[in-house]
Structure formats: C-alpha cells, structure tokens
Amino acid sequence: MNADGSLADDHGTLNVTPEAQSRPEFTVTDLNFAVQTGYVILLDQTIDPNIPVAGPPHGVAGVYSAVERDRPQDWSDIAQFVMVTDSTGTHARVYWASDPEDASKGDTGNVLDTIDANLGASNPGLAAPGPDDKVVFLLERGSGNSGDAGAGESNPANKYPLRQRHLQLAQRSTR
C-alpha cells in the first residue's frame, strides 16, 4: 500500500498464516509512512442496511455501525492500522486477521480468536477493537465477485483497497 492508498509492491508483508495455505489467515504488513490508527471490519452478513458492500472496482468508505459493533459473530476479517516503534524506528503496520474455518469452509470460531492467538511481543499494538477505538464496517462481496469463491475468501492485497479515508469517517462517527 502506498501513502495514497494505492497498492504497492510487496516490501514487508509477513504472511504468518496466509489464506492460500491456511485458515485463519494472519498477515503483518509494515508500511513506510504514518497511518491513522483504527479498524476496518469486513462482515459476512449484516442487519444494518447502511453498511456498503466492499469494492472493487471502486474503493468504498466503510461506515460506523452501533448495531454491528456488538455483533462479532458476523465479523469475517479485521484490518487493524497501528503505529509501532521497534528497532527500525516508528512506522505503520497493518494486521490482517480472518475467522477460522474448517476444511469445508465452515466457521470454527470468530476473527477475535485469530487476534487472541497472535497477541504478544512479536505483534506490538495488535489488539481487538475496544469501545473507544475508531471502527468502520464493510460487507464482504458475494460469491463470484472476487475471482474465487467470494465471501469468506478475503485478502487485502488483491481484493479490498483499504484506504485511510475509511478510518477518517470512523473518527467522525465515533467521537
């Protein structure tokens, strides 16, 4: 990802458990620019009619939803934008976590289980969304719209242009 939100070459993604090899997926991407901290959460389904379907072909800004904030059972994937300071200095990092599934793609937990399993010193700043965090929601696209089986097969590198404007909207909505 470039500072303008466009996709860049891969210069720092650590596919801890990439989706192509396992589910749940947990990916860490270091960025060389600052980001606004917060979360973009993709939903398998929603009861809030105000939540837009994730792009492409065009990027879509996520929206805050008090309804979905309390429904983690519908959360499929979480992108967390954080600022970290480590031996290389202060930089941005994106954590991408998906819900665990069995071989037949049935859910065996929720995306919060994936985050909990990866907490620790090797992932500074990683946390589940709290009540005061900036959070926006997008509905996953349906089957056939992403070049594979569709919903439940998300990957930020080739399917969801997650831009900082998603979080700017969240900041206005949650404060």
N, C-alpha and C. Protein backbone atom coordinates (compact mmCIF):
# COMPACT_ATOMS: atom_id res chain seq x y z
N MET A 1 0.84 -1.16 0.00
CA MET A 1 0.00 0.00 0.00
C MET A 1 0.90 1.24 0.00
N ASN A 2 0.58 2.17 -0.84
CA ASN A 2 1.26 3.45 -0.86
C ASN A 2 0.53 4.44 0.04
N ALA A 3 1.17 5.57 0.33
CA ALA A 3 0.56 6.56 1.21
C ALA A 3 -0.78 7.06 0.69
N ASP A 4 -0.99 7.03 -0.63
CA ASP A 4 -2.27 7.48 -1.19
C ASP A 4 -3.34 6.39 -1.18
N GLY A 5 -2.99 5.20 -0.66
CA GLY A 5 -3.94 4.10 -0.57
C GLY A 5 -3.88 3.13 -1.72
N SER A 6 -3.11 3.44 -2.76
CA SER A 6 -2.99 2.51 -3.89
C SER A 6 -2.10 1.33 -3.49
N LEU A 7 -2.25 0.24 -4.20
CA LEU A 7 -1.46 -0.95 -3.88
C LEU A 7 -0.05 -0.80 -4.42
N ALA A 8 0.91 -1.23 -3.62
CA ALA A 8 2.32 -1.14 -3.99
C ALA A 8 2.90 -2.55 -4.10
N ASP A 9 4.14 -2.62 -4.50
CA ASP A 9 4.83 -3.90 -4.47
C ASP A 9 4.94 -4.37 -3.03
N ASP A 10 5.12 -5.65 -2.84
CA ASP A 10 5.22 -6.24 -1.51
C ASP A 10 6.64 -6.05 -0.99
N HIS A 11 6.81 -5.14 -0.05
CA HIS A 11 8.12 -4.87 0.54
C HIS A 11 8.09 -5.02 2.04
N GLY A 12 7.34 -5.91 2.57
CA GLY A 12 7.33 -6.04 4.01
C GLY A 12 6.15 -6.82 4.56
N THR A 13 5.47 -7.58 3.73
CA THR A 13 4.37 -8.38 4.23
C THR A 13 4.90 -9.70 4.75
N LEU A 14 4.53 -10.00 5.96
CA LEU A 14 4.88 -11.28 6.55
C LEU A 14 3.61 -12.09 6.62
N ASN A 15 3.48 -13.06 5.74
CA ASN A 15 2.30 -13.91 5.74
C ASN A 15 2.48 -14.98 6.80
N VAL A 16 2.10 -14.65 8.02
CA VAL A 16 2.28 -15.57 9.13
C VAL A 16 1.50 -16.86 8.85
N THR A 17 0.27 -16.73 8.47
CA THR A 17 -0.54 -17.87 8.05
C THR A 17 -1.39 -17.41 6.87
N PRO A 18 -0.82 -17.33 5.67
CA PRO A 18 -1.57 -16.80 4.53
C PRO A 18 -2.77 -17.66 4.18
N GLU A 19 -3.80 -16.98 3.69
CA GLU A 19 -5.06 -17.66 3.39
C GLU A 19 -4.89 -18.79 2.38
N ALA A 20 -4.00 -18.62 1.43
CA ALA A 20 -3.83 -19.66 0.42
C ALA A 20 -3.33 -20.97 1.04
N GLN A 21 -2.75 -20.87 2.24
CA GLN A 21 -2.20 -22.06 2.88
C GLN A 21 -2.98 -22.51 4.09
N SER A 22 -3.67 -21.60 4.73
CA SER A 22 -4.40 -21.98 5.94
C SER A 22 -5.49 -20.98 6.25
N ARG A 23 -6.36 -21.36 7.10
CA ARG A 23 -7.43 -20.51 7.59
C ARG A 23 -7.52 -20.78 9.06
N PRO A 24 -7.32 -19.89 9.97
CA PRO A 24 -7.40 -18.46 9.74
C PRO A 24 -6.12 -17.87 9.16
N GLU A 25 -6.30 -16.78 8.50
CA GLU A 25 -5.19 -16.02 7.94
C GLU A 25 -4.79 -14.96 8.95
N PHE A 26 -3.47 -14.76 9.09
CA PHE A 26 -2.96 -13.65 9.88
C PHE A 26 -1.76 -13.09 9.14
N THR A 27 -1.84 -11.84 8.72
CA THR A 27 -0.81 -11.22 7.91
C THR A 27 -0.37 -9.91 8.57
N VAL A 28 0.93 -9.64 8.51
CA VAL A 28 1.51 -8.42 9.06
C VAL A 28 2.20 -7.67 7.92
N THR A 29 1.83 -6.41 7.71
CA THR A 29 2.46 -5.60 6.67
C THR A 29 3.01 -4.33 7.29
N ASP A 30 4.31 -4.10 7.13
CA ASP A 30 4.93 -2.87 7.59
C ASP A 30 4.87 -1.84 6.47
N LEU A 31 4.56 -0.60 6.84
CA LEU A 31 4.46 0.50 5.89
C LEU A 31 5.50 1.55 6.24
N ASN A 32 5.96 2.29 5.24
CA ASN A 32 6.99 3.30 5.49
C ASN A 32 6.40 4.71 5.62
N PHE A 33 5.16 4.82 6.04
CA PHE A 33 4.51 6.11 6.24
C PHE A 33 3.53 5.97 7.41
N ALA A 34 3.10 7.08 7.93
CA ALA A 34 2.18 7.08 9.07
C ALA A 34 0.75 6.78 8.61
N VAL A 35 -0.02 6.19 9.49
CA VAL A 35 -1.44 5.93 9.22
C VAL A 35 -2.26 6.42 10.40
N GLN A 36 -3.52 6.62 10.15
CA GLN A 36 -4.46 6.88 11.22
C GLN A 36 -4.81 5.54 11.83
N THR A 37 -4.73 5.41 13.12
CA THR A 37 -4.99 4.12 13.75
C THR A 37 -6.48 3.82 13.78
N GLY A 38 -6.81 2.55 13.72
CA GLY A 38 -8.19 2.12 13.78
C GLY A 38 -8.39 0.80 13.08
N TYR A 39 -9.63 0.44 12.86
CA TYR A 39 -10.00 -0.87 12.33
C TYR A 39 -10.98 -0.75 11.16
N VAL A 40 -10.80 -1.62 10.18
CA VAL A 40 -11.79 -1.84 9.14
C VAL A 40 -12.22 -3.29 9.31
N ILE A 41 -13.52 -3.50 9.52
CA ILE A 41 -14.03 -4.85 9.76
C ILE A 41 -14.95 -5.24 8.60
N LEU A 42 -14.64 -6.40 8.01
CA LEU A 42 -15.50 -6.95 6.95
C LEU A 42 -16.50 -7.90 7.58
N LEU A 43 -17.73 -7.83 7.10
CA LEU A 43 -18.82 -8.63 7.64
C LEU A 43 -19.23 -9.72 6.65
N ASP A 44 -19.54 -10.90 7.18
CA ASP A 44 -20.13 -11.97 6.36
C ASP A 44 -21.56 -11.59 5.97
N GLN A 45 -22.27 -10.96 6.91
CA GLN A 45 -23.65 -10.55 6.71
C GLN A 45 -23.92 -9.38 7.65
N THR A 46 -25.00 -8.67 7.41
CA THR A 46 -25.33 -7.54 8.27
C THR A 46 -26.83 -7.36 8.39
N ILE A 47 -27.25 -6.79 9.51
CA ILE A 47 -28.65 -6.40 9.67
C ILE A 47 -28.78 -4.88 9.59
N ASP A 48 -27.65 -4.19 9.36
CA ASP A 48 -27.64 -2.73 9.22
C ASP A 48 -27.65 -2.37 7.73
N PRO A 49 -28.73 -1.80 7.23
CA PRO A 49 -28.82 -1.50 5.79
C PRO A 49 -27.89 -0.38 5.33
N ASN A 50 -27.23 0.31 6.25
CA ASN A 50 -26.35 1.42 5.90
C ASN A 50 -24.93 1.00 5.57
N ILE A 51 -24.59 -0.26 5.76
CA ILE A 51 -23.23 -0.71 5.54
C ILE A 51 -23.04 -1.05 4.05
N PRO A 52 -22.05 -0.41 3.40
CA PRO A 52 -21.84 -0.66 1.97
C PRO A 52 -21.09 -1.96 1.71
N VAL A 53 -21.24 -2.46 0.50
CA VAL A 53 -20.50 -3.63 0.05
C VAL A 53 -19.10 -3.18 -0.34
N ALA A 54 -18.10 -3.95 0.06
CA ALA A 54 -16.70 -3.61 -0.23
C ALA A 54 -16.45 -3.59 -1.72
N GLY A 55 -15.54 -2.68 -2.17
CA GLY A 55 -15.15 -2.61 -3.57
C GLY A 55 -14.28 -3.79 -3.92
N PRO A 56 -13.71 -3.89 -5.08
CA PRO A 56 -13.67 -3.00 -6.20
C PRO A 56 -14.88 -3.18 -7.12
N PRO A 57 -14.96 -2.52 -8.21
CA PRO A 57 -13.85 -1.85 -8.85
C PRO A 57 -13.51 -0.51 -8.22
N HIS A 58 -14.39 0.07 -7.43
CA HIS A 58 -14.12 1.36 -6.81
C HIS A 58 -14.00 1.18 -5.31
N GLY A 59 -13.09 1.92 -4.70
CA GLY A 59 -12.99 1.89 -3.24
C GLY A 59 -14.25 2.42 -2.62
N VAL A 60 -14.66 1.84 -1.53
CA VAL A 60 -15.86 2.26 -0.83
C VAL A 60 -15.47 2.55 0.61
N ALA A 61 -15.88 3.68 1.14
CA ALA A 61 -15.58 4.01 2.53
C ALA A 61 -16.49 3.22 3.45
N GLY A 62 -15.89 2.65 4.48
CA GLY A 62 -16.67 1.95 5.48
C GLY A 62 -17.44 2.94 6.35
N VAL A 63 -18.41 2.44 7.07
CA VAL A 63 -19.22 3.28 7.95
C VAL A 63 -19.25 2.66 9.34
N TYR A 64 -19.41 3.52 10.33
CA TYR A 64 -19.56 3.05 11.70
C TYR A 64 -20.97 2.49 11.86
N SER A 65 -21.12 1.44 12.66
CA SER A 65 -22.43 0.86 12.92
C SER A 65 -22.50 0.41 14.38
N ALA A 66 -23.34 1.09 15.16
CA ALA A 66 -23.55 0.67 16.55
C ALA A 66 -24.15 -0.73 16.60
N VAL A 67 -24.96 -1.06 15.60
CA VAL A 67 -25.58 -2.38 15.53
C VAL A 67 -24.51 -3.47 15.37
N GLU A 68 -23.65 -3.30 14.36
CA GLU A 68 -22.64 -4.34 14.09
C GLU A 68 -21.49 -4.32 15.09
N ARG A 69 -21.29 -3.20 15.78
CA ARG A 69 -20.22 -3.12 16.77
C ARG A 69 -20.38 -4.20 17.84
N ASP A 70 -21.61 -4.56 18.13
CA ASP A 70 -21.89 -5.55 19.17
C ASP A 70 -22.24 -6.92 18.60
N ARG A 71 -21.88 -7.18 17.33
CA ARG A 71 -22.21 -8.46 16.71
C ARG A 71 -20.97 -9.13 16.11
N PRO A 72 -19.95 -9.46 16.93
CA PRO A 72 -18.73 -10.04 16.38
C PRO A 72 -18.95 -11.39 15.69
N GLN A 73 -20.08 -12.00 15.91
CA GLN A 73 -20.36 -13.27 15.23
C GLN A 73 -20.48 -13.07 13.71
N ASP A 74 -20.72 -11.84 13.26
CA ASP A 74 -20.82 -11.55 11.83
C ASP A 74 -19.50 -11.07 11.23
N TRP A 75 -18.50 -10.82 12.06
CA TRP A 75 -17.23 -10.30 11.59
C TRP A 75 -16.44 -11.39 10.90
N SER A 76 -16.02 -11.15 9.68
CA SER A 76 -15.24 -12.13 8.92
C SER A 76 -13.75 -11.84 8.98
N ASP A 77 -13.38 -10.57 8.79
CA ASP A 77 -11.98 -10.17 8.72
C ASP A 77 -11.81 -8.81 9.37
N ILE A 78 -10.63 -8.59 9.95
CA ILE A 78 -10.32 -7.31 10.56
C ILE A 78 -8.97 -6.84 10.06
N ALA A 79 -8.92 -5.60 9.57
CA ALA A 79 -7.66 -4.93 9.28
C ALA A 79 -7.46 -3.90 10.38
N GLN A 80 -6.34 -4.02 11.10
CA GLN A 80 -6.03 -3.06 12.15
C GLN A 80 -4.83 -2.24 11.72
N PHE A 81 -4.99 -0.92 11.71
CA PHE A 81 -3.92 0.01 11.37
C PHE A 81 -3.33 0.53 12.67
N VAL A 82 -2.02 0.34 12.86
CA VAL A 82 -1.35 0.78 14.09
C VAL A 82 -0.04 1.49 13.75
N MET A 83 0.45 2.26 14.70
CA MET A 83 1.79 2.82 14.64
C MET A 83 2.62 2.07 15.66
N VAL A 84 3.79 1.58 15.26
CA VAL A 84 4.66 0.84 16.16
C VAL A 84 6.05 1.46 16.16
N THR A 85 6.72 1.31 17.27
CA THR A 85 8.12 1.70 17.38
C THR A 85 8.90 0.45 17.72
N ASP A 86 9.86 0.13 16.87
CA ASP A 86 10.71 -1.04 17.10
C ASP A 86 12.14 -0.69 16.74
N SER A 87 12.98 -1.69 16.55
CA SER A 87 14.39 -1.44 16.27
C SER A 87 14.63 -0.67 14.98
N THR A 88 13.65 -0.63 14.09
CA THR A 88 13.79 0.11 12.83
C THR A 88 13.24 1.52 12.92
N GLY A 89 12.66 1.89 14.06
CA GLY A 89 12.09 3.21 14.24
C GLY A 89 10.58 3.15 14.37
N THR A 90 9.93 4.28 14.16
CA THR A 90 8.47 4.35 14.23
C THR A 90 7.91 4.27 12.82
N HIS A 91 6.96 3.38 12.64
CA HIS A 91 6.35 3.18 11.32
C HIS A 91 4.96 2.59 11.50
N ALA A 92 4.22 2.55 10.41
CA ALA A 92 2.88 1.99 10.44
C ALA A 92 2.93 0.49 10.18
N ARG A 93 1.93 -0.17 10.66
CA ARG A 93 1.78 -1.60 10.44
C ARG A 93 0.30 -1.89 10.26
N VAL A 94 -0.01 -2.84 9.37
CA VAL A 94 -1.38 -3.31 9.19
C VAL A 94 -1.41 -4.78 9.57
N TYR A 95 -2.27 -5.12 10.51
CA TYR A 95 -2.52 -6.52 10.85
C TYR A 95 -3.81 -6.92 10.16
N TRP A 96 -3.80 -8.07 9.50
CA TRP A 96 -5.00 -8.58 8.83
C TRP A 96 -5.31 -9.94 9.42
N ALA A 97 -6.49 -10.10 9.97
CA ALA A 97 -6.89 -11.37 10.59
C ALA A 97 -8.23 -11.81 10.03
N SER A 98 -8.37 -13.12 9.86
CA SER A 98 -9.63 -13.69 9.37
C SER A 98 -10.18 -14.68 10.38
N ASP A 99 -11.42 -15.05 10.17
CA ASP A 99 -12.04 -16.03 11.06
C ASP A 99 -11.56 -17.44 10.73
N PRO A 100 -11.43 -18.30 11.75
CA PRO A 100 -11.00 -19.67 11.49
C PRO A 100 -12.12 -20.49 10.83
N GLU A 101 -11.71 -21.38 9.92
CA GLU A 101 -12.66 -22.24 9.20
C GLU A 101 -12.12 -23.66 9.14
N ASP A 102 -13.04 -24.60 9.00
CA ASP A 102 -12.62 -25.99 8.79
C ASP A 102 -12.42 -26.23 7.29
N ALA A 103 -12.10 -27.46 6.91
CA ALA A 103 -11.78 -27.78 5.51
C ALA A 103 -12.94 -27.50 4.56
N SER A 104 -14.16 -27.55 5.06
CA SER A 104 -15.32 -27.28 4.20
C SER A 104 -15.77 -25.82 4.28
N LYS A 105 -14.91 -24.95 4.83
CA LYS A 105 -15.12 -23.51 4.94
C LYS A 105 -16.22 -23.13 5.93
N GLY A 106 -16.52 -24.03 6.86
CA GLY A 106 -17.45 -23.71 7.93
C GLY A 106 -16.71 -23.01 9.06
N ASP A 107 -17.31 -21.98 9.65
CA ASP A 107 -16.66 -21.25 10.73
C ASP A 107 -16.45 -22.15 11.94
N THR A 108 -15.24 -22.04 12.52
CA THR A 108 -14.91 -22.79 13.74
C THR A 108 -14.58 -21.85 14.89
N GLY A 109 -14.84 -20.60 14.71
CA GLY A 109 -14.59 -19.56 15.71
C GLY A 109 -14.86 -18.23 15.05
N ASN A 110 -14.38 -17.15 15.68
CA ASN A 110 -14.54 -15.85 15.03
C ASN A 110 -13.18 -15.17 14.92
N VAL A 111 -13.16 -14.07 14.22
CA VAL A 111 -11.90 -13.37 13.93
C VAL A 111 -11.21 -12.91 15.21
N LEU A 112 -11.95 -12.70 16.28
CA LEU A 112 -11.33 -12.32 17.55
C LEU A 112 -10.46 -13.45 18.10
N ASP A 113 -10.82 -14.70 17.81
CA ASP A 113 -9.98 -15.84 18.20
C ASP A 113 -8.63 -15.77 17.51
N THR A 114 -8.61 -15.36 16.24
CA THR A 114 -7.36 -15.23 15.49
C THR A 114 -6.49 -14.13 16.09
N ILE A 115 -7.10 -13.02 16.44
CA ILE A 115 -6.34 -11.94 17.08
C ILE A 115 -5.77 -12.41 18.41
N ASP A 116 -6.60 -13.04 19.23
CA ASP A 116 -6.13 -13.54 20.53
C ASP A 116 -4.95 -14.50 20.38
N ALA A 117 -4.99 -15.34 19.35
CA ALA A 117 -3.92 -16.32 19.15
C ALA A 117 -2.60 -15.69 18.72
N ASN A 118 -2.64 -14.44 18.26
CA ASN A 118 -1.43 -13.79 17.76
C ASN A 118 -0.95 -12.63 18.62
N LEU A 119 -1.58 -12.42 19.78
CA LEU A 119 -1.14 -11.37 20.69
C LEU A 119 0.24 -11.70 21.23
N GLY A 120 1.04 -10.67 21.46
CA GLY A 120 2.34 -10.88 22.06
C GLY A 120 3.36 -9.89 21.56
N ALA A 121 4.58 -10.02 22.07
CA ALA A 121 5.64 -9.07 21.78
C ALA A 121 6.00 -9.00 20.30
N SER A 122 5.80 -10.07 19.56
CA SER A 122 6.15 -10.05 18.14
C SER A 122 5.14 -9.26 17.30
N ASN A 123 4.01 -8.92 17.87
CA ASN A 123 2.98 -8.14 17.17
C ASN A 123 2.57 -6.93 18.00
N PRO A 124 3.48 -5.96 18.17
CA PRO A 124 3.18 -4.81 19.03
C PRO A 124 1.98 -4.02 18.52
N GLY A 125 1.12 -3.66 19.45
CA GLY A 125 -0.05 -2.86 19.10
C GLY A 125 -1.26 -3.67 18.67
N LEU A 126 -1.07 -4.95 18.39
CA LEU A 126 -2.20 -5.79 17.99
C LEU A 126 -3.18 -5.90 19.15
N ALA A 127 -4.44 -5.65 18.88
CA ALA A 127 -5.48 -5.74 19.90
C ALA A 127 -6.84 -5.88 19.23
N ALA A 128 -7.75 -6.46 19.95
CA ALA A 128 -9.14 -6.50 19.49
C ALA A 128 -9.71 -5.09 19.62
N PRO A 129 -10.67 -4.74 18.78
CA PRO A 129 -11.26 -3.40 18.86
C PRO A 129 -11.91 -3.17 20.22
N GLY A 130 -11.60 -2.02 20.82
CA GLY A 130 -12.20 -1.64 22.10
C GLY A 130 -13.31 -0.63 21.89
N PRO A 131 -14.01 -0.28 22.96
CA PRO A 131 -15.17 0.61 22.83
C PRO A 131 -14.83 2.03 22.37
N ASP A 132 -13.59 2.47 22.59
CA ASP A 132 -13.22 3.83 22.19
C ASP A 132 -12.42 3.88 20.90
N ASP A 133 -12.22 2.74 20.24
CA ASP A 133 -11.43 2.70 19.01
C ASP A 133 -12.27 3.15 17.81
N LYS A 134 -11.57 3.68 16.79
CA LYS A 134 -12.22 4.02 15.53
C LYS A 134 -12.44 2.71 14.75
N VAL A 135 -13.68 2.43 14.41
CA VAL A 135 -14.04 1.19 13.73
C VAL A 135 -15.04 1.50 12.62
N VAL A 136 -14.79 0.99 11.42
CA VAL A 136 -15.77 1.08 10.34
C VAL A 136 -16.02 -0.32 9.79
N PHE A 137 -17.16 -0.47 9.15
CA PHE A 137 -17.59 -1.77 8.65
C PHE A 137 -17.86 -1.73 7.15
N LEU A 138 -17.58 -2.84 6.50
CA LEU A 138 -17.93 -3.08 5.10
C LEU A 138 -18.47 -4.49 5.01
N LEU A 139 -19.41 -4.70 4.11
CA LEU A 139 -19.95 -6.03 3.87
C LEU A 139 -19.12 -6.70 2.79
N GLU A 140 -18.70 -7.95 3.04
CA GLU A 140 -17.92 -8.66 2.03
C GLU A 140 -18.75 -8.84 0.77
N ARG A 141 -18.06 -8.80 -0.35
CA ARG A 141 -18.74 -9.03 -1.62
C ARG A 141 -19.22 -10.46 -1.69
N GLY A 142 -20.22 -10.67 -2.51
CA GLY A 142 -20.79 -12.00 -2.67
C GLY A 142 -19.94 -12.90 -3.53
N SER A 143 -20.30 -14.14 -3.56
CA SER A 143 -19.61 -15.16 -4.34
C SER A 143 -19.53 -14.76 -5.80
N GLY A 144 -18.36 -14.96 -6.39
CA GLY A 144 -18.18 -14.66 -7.80
C GLY A 144 -17.64 -13.28 -8.09
N ASN A 145 -17.59 -12.41 -7.10
CA ASN A 145 -17.14 -11.05 -7.33
C ASN A 145 -15.66 -10.84 -7.06
N SER A 146 -14.97 -11.85 -6.57
CA SER A 146 -13.58 -11.62 -6.18
C SER A 146 -12.60 -12.55 -6.89
N GLY A 147 -13.06 -13.29 -7.86
CA GLY A 147 -12.14 -14.16 -8.59
C GLY A 147 -11.97 -15.51 -7.94
N ASP A 148 -12.64 -15.74 -6.84
CA ASP A 148 -12.63 -17.06 -6.20
C ASP A 148 -14.04 -17.34 -5.71
N ALA A 149 -14.16 -18.00 -4.60
CA ALA A 149 -15.48 -18.37 -4.09
C ALA A 149 -16.25 -17.21 -3.48
N GLY A 150 -15.62 -16.04 -3.34
CA GLY A 150 -16.35 -14.88 -2.85
C GLY A 150 -16.25 -14.69 -1.36
N ALA A 151 -17.38 -14.41 -0.72
CA ALA A 151 -17.40 -14.09 0.70
C ALA A 151 -16.67 -15.16 1.51
N GLY A 152 -15.92 -14.71 2.48
CA GLY A 152 -15.14 -15.62 3.30
C GLY A 152 -13.76 -15.88 2.74
N GLU A 153 -13.46 -15.34 1.56
CA GLU A 153 -12.15 -15.54 0.92
C GLU A 153 -11.50 -14.20 0.69
N SER A 154 -11.42 -13.40 1.71
CA SER A 154 -10.90 -12.05 1.55
C SER A 154 -9.38 -12.02 1.67
N ASN A 155 -8.80 -11.03 1.06
CA ASN A 155 -7.36 -10.83 1.12
C ASN A 155 -7.12 -9.38 0.74
N PRO A 156 -6.52 -8.59 1.63
CA PRO A 156 -6.41 -7.18 1.36
C PRO A 156 -5.50 -6.85 0.19
N ALA A 157 -4.58 -7.72 -0.15
CA ALA A 157 -3.62 -7.42 -1.20
C ALA A 157 -4.26 -7.41 -2.58
N ASN A 158 -5.31 -8.19 -2.79
CA ASN A 158 -5.85 -8.24 -4.14
C ASN A 158 -7.35 -8.03 -4.24
N LYS A 159 -8.01 -7.76 -3.15
CA LYS A 159 -9.45 -7.64 -3.24
C LYS A 159 -10.06 -6.41 -2.59
N TYR A 160 -9.45 -5.88 -1.56
CA TYR A 160 -10.06 -4.79 -0.83
C TYR A 160 -9.11 -3.62 -0.70
N PRO A 161 -9.32 -2.53 -1.44
CA PRO A 161 -8.47 -1.37 -1.31
C PRO A 161 -8.82 -0.62 -0.01
N LEU A 162 -8.19 -1.00 1.09
CA LEU A 162 -8.47 -0.38 2.38
C LEU A 162 -7.70 0.93 2.46
N ARG A 163 -8.40 2.01 2.51
CA ARG A 163 -7.77 3.32 2.50
C ARG A 163 -8.01 4.02 3.84
N GLN A 164 -7.15 4.95 4.11
CA GLN A 164 -7.26 5.68 5.37
C GLN A 164 -8.56 6.48 5.46
N ARG A 165 -9.21 6.77 4.35
CA ARG A 165 -10.47 7.51 4.44
C ARG A 165 -11.54 6.69 5.14
N HIS A 166 -11.42 5.36 5.14
CA HIS A 166 -12.35 4.53 5.90
C HIS A 166 -12.28 4.94 7.37
N LEU A 167 -11.07 5.14 7.86
CA LEU A 167 -10.90 5.45 9.27
C LEU A 167 -11.21 6.91 9.57
N GLN A 168 -11.01 7.79 8.61
CA GLN A 168 -11.37 9.19 8.83
C GLN A 168 -12.86 9.31 9.06
N LEU A 169 -13.64 8.53 8.33
CA LEU A 169 -15.08 8.51 8.54
C LEU A 169 -15.39 7.98 9.93
N ALA A 170 -14.66 6.96 10.35
CA ALA A 170 -14.89 6.38 11.67
C ALA A 170 -14.61 7.39 12.77
N GLN A 171 -13.57 8.19 12.58
CA GLN A 171 -13.23 9.18 13.60
C GLN A 171 -14.38 10.16 13.79
N ARG A 172 -15.00 10.58 12.71
CA ARG A 172 -16.12 11.50 12.81
C ARG A 172 -17.34 10.81 13.44
N SER A 173 -17.50 9.51 13.17
CA SER A 173 -18.69 8.79 13.61
C SER A 173 -18.64 8.37 15.06
N THR A 174 -17.44 8.18 15.62
CA THR A 174 -17.36 7.62 16.95
C THR A 174 -16.98 8.64 18.01
N ARG A 175 -16.74 9.85 17.64
CA ARG A 175 -16.32 10.87 18.63
C ARG A 175 -17.46 11.80 18.97
